[in-house]
Structures are given as structure tokens and as C-alpha cells.
Amino acid sequence: MVTEIIWSDDAKVELEVIYADLLNYTKSKQNALSVINDIVSHVEGIKYPEQYQIDEIIGDSYRRLIVRNFRITYQIVSNHTIRVLGITSTYMDH
């Protein structure tokens, strides 16, 4: 069971950038904060390191989950610890 979640510096910065971008786009602190809260609560809701899909590009000890339009990549450090590596948008401009 996951008892420790480590947020990498990159993931922390990406959360800040996502918030700023959403605030700029929606002009709503409430909407921007809602997305950030969803991302954080989904990560905090990870009970087992292997709970989500393997990230085939990176390897077996790396997992990914999708929250709204964002892909969260994390690394399994141990049976009790995960490290959030990054948060990227899955939205594609055409």
C-alpha cells in the first residue's frame, strides 16, 4: 500500500504552470483550482503502486494515469512509495 508520495520538482512546476495556463484561459480561479485539486486527489488516491497502466515507453516500474486532459507519470520506488515525475497535457492542437 502506498504511504508516501514524492512530487518531483518538475511535477511541482508543471502543476503551477497548468494552474497559470488554466487561469489565463478560463479567467476563473475556481475552475483552475478544480483541475489542480482533481490531479492531486487522484494521485493521493493511489493505493497500490501497480494500480495504473505501465508506461510502455519508459518501462515496467513507471506508471501513468489520466485525469481530465492530463497524463500523470509516476515511478514505483518501493511497495510503499511512488514518485510523481511529470504532468503533461493530452490535449492536441490541430
N, C-alpha and C. Protein backbone atom coordinates (compact mmCIF):
# COMPACT_ATOMS: atom_id res chain seq x y z
N MET A 1 0.84 -1.18 0.00
CA MET A 1 0.00 0.00 0.00
C MET A 1 0.89 1.25 0.00
N VAL A 2 0.52 2.23 -0.81
CA VAL A 2 1.30 3.47 -0.91
C VAL A 2 1.07 4.33 0.34
N THR A 3 2.15 4.65 1.01
CA THR A 3 2.09 5.51 2.19
C THR A 3 2.88 6.80 2.00
N GLU A 4 3.67 6.87 0.92
CA GLU A 4 4.46 8.07 0.66
C GLU A 4 4.41 8.41 -0.82
N ILE A 5 4.12 9.69 -1.09
CA ILE A 5 4.11 10.20 -2.46
C ILE A 5 5.12 11.34 -2.51
N ILE A 6 6.09 11.19 -3.39
CA ILE A 6 7.12 12.21 -3.59
C ILE A 6 6.80 12.94 -4.89
N TRP A 7 6.68 14.25 -4.82
CA TRP A 7 6.45 15.05 -6.02
C TRP A 7 7.81 15.59 -6.48
N SER A 8 8.21 15.25 -7.69
CA SER A 8 9.47 15.78 -8.22
C SER A 8 9.34 17.29 -8.39
N ASP A 9 10.48 17.97 -8.44
CA ASP A 9 10.46 19.41 -8.68
C ASP A 9 9.78 19.73 -10.01
N ASP A 10 10.03 18.90 -11.03
CA ASP A 10 9.39 19.12 -12.33
C ASP A 10 7.87 19.04 -12.22
N ALA A 11 7.38 18.04 -11.50
CA ALA A 11 5.93 17.88 -11.35
C ALA A 11 5.32 19.06 -10.60
N LYS A 12 6.01 19.57 -9.60
CA LYS A 12 5.52 20.73 -8.86
C LYS A 12 5.43 21.96 -9.77
N VAL A 13 6.46 22.16 -10.57
CA VAL A 13 6.46 23.29 -11.50
C VAL A 13 5.35 23.12 -12.53
N GLU A 14 5.18 21.90 -13.02
CA GLU A 14 4.13 21.64 -14.01
C GLU A 14 2.74 21.92 -13.45
N LEU A 15 2.50 21.60 -12.18
CA LEU A 15 1.23 21.95 -11.55
C LEU A 15 1.02 23.46 -11.54
N GLU A 16 2.07 24.19 -11.21
CA GLU A 16 1.98 25.66 -11.20
C GLU A 16 1.70 26.21 -12.59
N VAL A 17 2.35 25.66 -13.60
CA VAL A 17 2.16 26.12 -14.98
C VAL A 17 0.74 25.79 -15.45
N ILE A 18 0.26 24.60 -15.13
CA ILE A 18 -1.10 24.21 -15.51
C ILE A 18 -2.10 25.17 -14.88
N TYR A 19 -1.92 25.46 -13.60
CA TYR A 19 -2.82 26.39 -12.92
C TYR A 19 -2.79 27.76 -13.61
N ALA A 20 -1.61 28.28 -13.87
CA ALA A 20 -1.49 29.60 -14.51
C ALA A 20 -2.12 29.60 -15.90
N ASP A 21 -1.87 28.56 -16.67
CA ASP A 21 -2.45 28.48 -18.02
C ASP A 21 -3.96 28.41 -17.97
N LEU A 22 -4.49 27.60 -17.07
CA LEU A 22 -5.95 27.48 -16.96
C LEU A 22 -6.56 28.78 -16.46
N LEU A 23 -5.92 29.43 -15.53
CA LEU A 23 -6.41 30.71 -15.03
C LEU A 23 -6.43 31.74 -16.15
N ASN A 24 -5.39 31.75 -16.95
CA ASN A 24 -5.32 32.68 -18.08
C ASN A 24 -6.40 32.37 -19.11
N TYR A 25 -6.63 31.10 -19.37
CA TYR A 25 -7.59 30.68 -20.39
C TYR A 25 -9.03 30.84 -19.92
N THR A 26 -9.33 30.40 -18.70
CA THR A 26 -10.71 30.39 -18.23
C THR A 26 -11.09 31.66 -17.47
N LYS A 27 -10.09 32.38 -17.00
CA LYS A 27 -10.31 33.57 -16.16
C LYS A 27 -11.06 33.23 -14.87
N SER A 28 -10.93 31.99 -14.45
CA SER A 28 -11.64 31.54 -13.25
C SER A 28 -10.69 30.80 -12.32
N LYS A 29 -10.45 31.39 -11.16
CA LYS A 29 -9.61 30.72 -10.16
C LYS A 29 -10.26 29.41 -9.73
N GLN A 30 -11.59 29.41 -9.62
CA GLN A 30 -12.31 28.22 -9.18
C GLN A 30 -12.11 27.07 -10.16
N ASN A 31 -12.23 27.33 -11.47
CA ASN A 31 -12.04 26.28 -12.47
C ASN A 31 -10.60 25.78 -12.48
N ALA A 32 -9.65 26.69 -12.44
CA ALA A 32 -8.24 26.30 -12.46
C ALA A 32 -7.89 25.47 -11.22
N LEU A 33 -8.37 25.90 -10.08
CA LEU A 33 -8.11 25.18 -8.83
C LEU A 33 -8.80 23.82 -8.83
N SER A 34 -9.96 23.73 -9.45
CA SER A 34 -10.69 22.46 -9.53
C SER A 34 -9.87 21.41 -10.28
N VAL A 35 -9.24 21.80 -11.38
CA VAL A 35 -8.41 20.87 -12.15
C VAL A 35 -7.21 20.44 -11.32
N ILE A 36 -6.54 21.39 -10.69
CA ILE A 36 -5.38 21.06 -9.85
C ILE A 36 -5.78 20.12 -8.72
N ASN A 37 -6.91 20.41 -8.07
CA ASN A 37 -7.38 19.55 -6.99
C ASN A 37 -7.69 18.14 -7.49
N ASP A 38 -8.27 18.02 -8.69
CA ASP A 38 -8.54 16.70 -9.27
C ASP A 38 -7.25 15.92 -9.49
N ILE A 39 -6.25 16.59 -10.05
CA ILE A 39 -4.97 15.93 -10.30
C ILE A 39 -4.37 15.44 -8.98
N VAL A 40 -4.29 16.32 -8.00
CA VAL A 40 -3.68 15.98 -6.72
C VAL A 40 -4.47 14.88 -6.01
N SER A 41 -5.80 14.97 -6.02
CA SER A 41 -6.59 13.97 -5.32
C SER A 41 -6.50 12.60 -5.98
N HIS A 42 -6.40 12.55 -7.30
CA HIS A 42 -6.21 11.26 -7.97
C HIS A 42 -4.86 10.64 -7.60
N VAL A 43 -3.83 11.46 -7.56
CA VAL A 43 -2.51 10.95 -7.17
C VAL A 43 -2.55 10.48 -5.72
N GLU A 44 -3.14 11.28 -4.85
CA GLU A 44 -3.21 10.90 -3.44
C GLU A 44 -4.10 9.68 -3.23
N GLY A 45 -4.96 9.37 -4.20
CA GLY A 45 -5.84 8.22 -4.11
C GLY A 45 -5.20 6.92 -4.57
N ILE A 46 -3.95 6.98 -5.01
CA ILE A 46 -3.26 5.76 -5.43
C ILE A 46 -2.99 4.91 -4.19
N LYS A 47 -3.57 3.73 -4.17
CA LYS A 47 -3.43 2.85 -3.01
C LYS A 47 -2.32 1.82 -3.20
N TYR A 48 -2.13 1.38 -4.45
CA TYR A 48 -1.13 0.36 -4.75
C TYR A 48 -0.26 0.87 -5.89
N PRO A 49 1.05 0.71 -5.81
CA PRO A 49 1.95 1.24 -6.84
C PRO A 49 1.59 0.77 -8.25
N GLU A 50 1.12 -0.46 -8.38
CA GLU A 50 0.83 -1.03 -9.70
C GLU A 50 -0.61 -0.77 -10.14
N GLN A 51 -1.28 0.15 -9.49
CA GLN A 51 -2.71 0.39 -9.70
C GLN A 51 -3.03 0.84 -11.14
N TYR A 52 -2.15 1.57 -11.76
CA TYR A 52 -2.42 2.11 -13.09
C TYR A 52 -1.54 1.45 -14.15
N GLN A 53 -1.80 1.82 -15.40
CA GLN A 53 -1.13 1.20 -16.55
C GLN A 53 0.38 1.42 -16.54
N ILE A 54 1.08 0.40 -17.00
CA ILE A 54 2.52 0.53 -17.23
C ILE A 54 2.75 1.53 -18.36
N ASP A 55 3.73 2.38 -18.19
CA ASP A 55 4.12 3.28 -19.27
C ASP A 55 5.11 2.53 -20.14
N GLU A 56 4.62 1.99 -21.25
CA GLU A 56 5.43 1.13 -22.11
C GLU A 56 6.67 1.83 -22.67
N ILE A 57 6.59 3.13 -22.81
CA ILE A 57 7.71 3.89 -23.37
C ILE A 57 8.88 3.93 -22.40
N ILE A 58 8.58 4.08 -21.12
CA ILE A 58 9.63 4.25 -20.12
C ILE A 58 10.06 2.93 -19.49
N GLY A 59 9.08 2.08 -19.12
CA GLY A 59 9.44 0.79 -18.52
C GLY A 59 8.47 0.33 -17.45
N ASP A 60 8.71 -0.88 -16.97
CA ASP A 60 7.80 -1.54 -16.05
C ASP A 60 7.62 -0.83 -14.70
N SER A 61 8.62 -0.15 -14.22
CA SER A 61 8.48 0.50 -12.91
C SER A 61 7.88 1.89 -13.01
N TYR A 62 7.39 2.24 -14.19
CA TYR A 62 6.76 3.54 -14.42
C TYR A 62 5.31 3.34 -14.80
N ARG A 63 4.44 4.13 -14.21
CA ARG A 63 3.00 4.02 -14.45
C ARG A 63 2.45 5.37 -14.90
N ARG A 64 1.24 5.30 -15.46
CA ARG A 64 0.60 6.53 -15.91
C ARG A 64 -0.88 6.47 -15.59
N LEU A 65 -1.44 7.63 -15.34
CA LEU A 65 -2.88 7.75 -15.21
C LEU A 65 -3.31 9.04 -15.88
N ILE A 66 -4.54 9.05 -16.32
CA ILE A 66 -5.10 10.22 -17.00
C ILE A 66 -6.15 10.84 -16.09
N VAL A 67 -6.02 12.14 -15.88
CA VAL A 67 -7.00 12.91 -15.12
C VAL A 67 -7.39 14.11 -15.98
N ARG A 68 -8.66 14.16 -16.32
CA ARG A 68 -9.16 15.17 -17.26
C ARG A 68 -8.33 15.08 -18.53
N ASN A 69 -7.64 16.15 -18.89
CA ASN A 69 -6.80 16.14 -20.10
C ASN A 69 -5.32 16.08 -19.77
N PHE A 70 -4.98 15.46 -18.66
CA PHE A 70 -3.59 15.43 -18.23
C PHE A 70 -3.13 14.01 -17.93
N ARG A 71 -1.93 13.74 -18.38
CA ARG A 71 -1.28 12.44 -18.14
C ARG A 71 -0.27 12.62 -17.01
N ILE A 72 -0.42 11.82 -15.98
CA ILE A 72 0.47 11.87 -14.83
C ILE A 72 1.35 10.63 -14.87
N THR A 73 2.64 10.82 -14.87
CA THR A 73 3.58 9.71 -14.90
C THR A 73 4.24 9.61 -13.53
N TYR A 74 4.25 8.39 -13.01
CA TYR A 74 4.92 8.19 -11.72
C TYR A 74 5.79 6.95 -11.76
N GLN A 75 6.76 6.95 -10.87
CA GLN A 75 7.72 5.85 -10.75
C GLN A 75 7.46 5.10 -9.46
N ILE A 76 7.50 3.78 -9.55
CA ILE A 76 7.38 2.97 -8.35
C ILE A 76 8.76 2.91 -7.69
N VAL A 77 8.87 3.48 -6.52
CA VAL A 77 10.13 3.50 -5.79
C VAL A 77 10.23 2.26 -4.90
N SER A 78 9.11 1.92 -4.25
CA SER A 78 9.04 0.73 -3.41
C SER A 78 7.57 0.32 -3.30
N ASN A 79 7.28 -0.70 -2.53
CA ASN A 79 5.89 -1.11 -2.34
C ASN A 79 5.06 -0.05 -1.62
N HIS A 80 5.75 0.91 -1.01
CA HIS A 80 5.05 1.92 -0.21
C HIS A 80 5.26 3.35 -0.73
N THR A 81 6.11 3.52 -1.72
CA THR A 81 6.49 4.87 -2.16
C THR A 81 6.41 4.99 -3.68
N ILE A 82 5.81 6.11 -4.12
CA ILE A 82 5.84 6.45 -5.55
C ILE A 82 6.39 7.87 -5.69
N ARG A 83 6.95 8.14 -6.86
CA ARG A 83 7.47 9.47 -7.18
C ARG A 83 6.76 9.98 -8.43
N VAL A 84 6.05 11.10 -8.29
CA VAL A 84 5.38 11.71 -9.43
C VAL A 84 6.45 12.44 -10.24
N LEU A 85 6.60 12.01 -11.49
CA LEU A 85 7.67 12.56 -12.33
C LEU A 85 7.22 13.72 -13.18
N GLY A 86 5.99 13.65 -13.69
CA GLY A 86 5.57 14.72 -14.58
C GLY A 86 4.08 14.70 -14.85
N ILE A 87 3.60 15.84 -15.33
CA ILE A 87 2.20 16.01 -15.69
C ILE A 87 2.19 16.71 -17.04
N THR A 88 1.63 16.06 -18.03
CA THR A 88 1.59 16.64 -19.37
C THR A 88 0.17 16.65 -19.91
N SER A 89 -0.10 17.61 -20.74
CA SER A 89 -1.42 17.73 -21.36
C SER A 89 -1.58 16.65 -22.43
N THR A 90 -2.77 16.06 -22.48
CA THR A 90 -3.09 15.11 -23.55
C THR A 90 -3.86 15.80 -24.66
N TYR A 91 -4.15 17.07 -24.48
CA TYR A 91 -4.88 17.85 -25.49
C TYR A 91 -3.95 18.16 -26.64
N MET A 92 -4.43 17.95 -27.85
CA MET A 92 -3.61 18.20 -29.03
C MET A 92 -4.22 19.31 -29.87
N ASP A 93 -3.44 20.32 -30.15
CA ASP A 93 -3.89 21.37 -31.07
C ASP A 93 -3.78 20.88 -32.49
N HIS A 94 -4.78 21.15 -33.28
CA HIS A 94 -4.74 20.76 -34.70
C HIS A 94 -4.59 21.97 -35.58
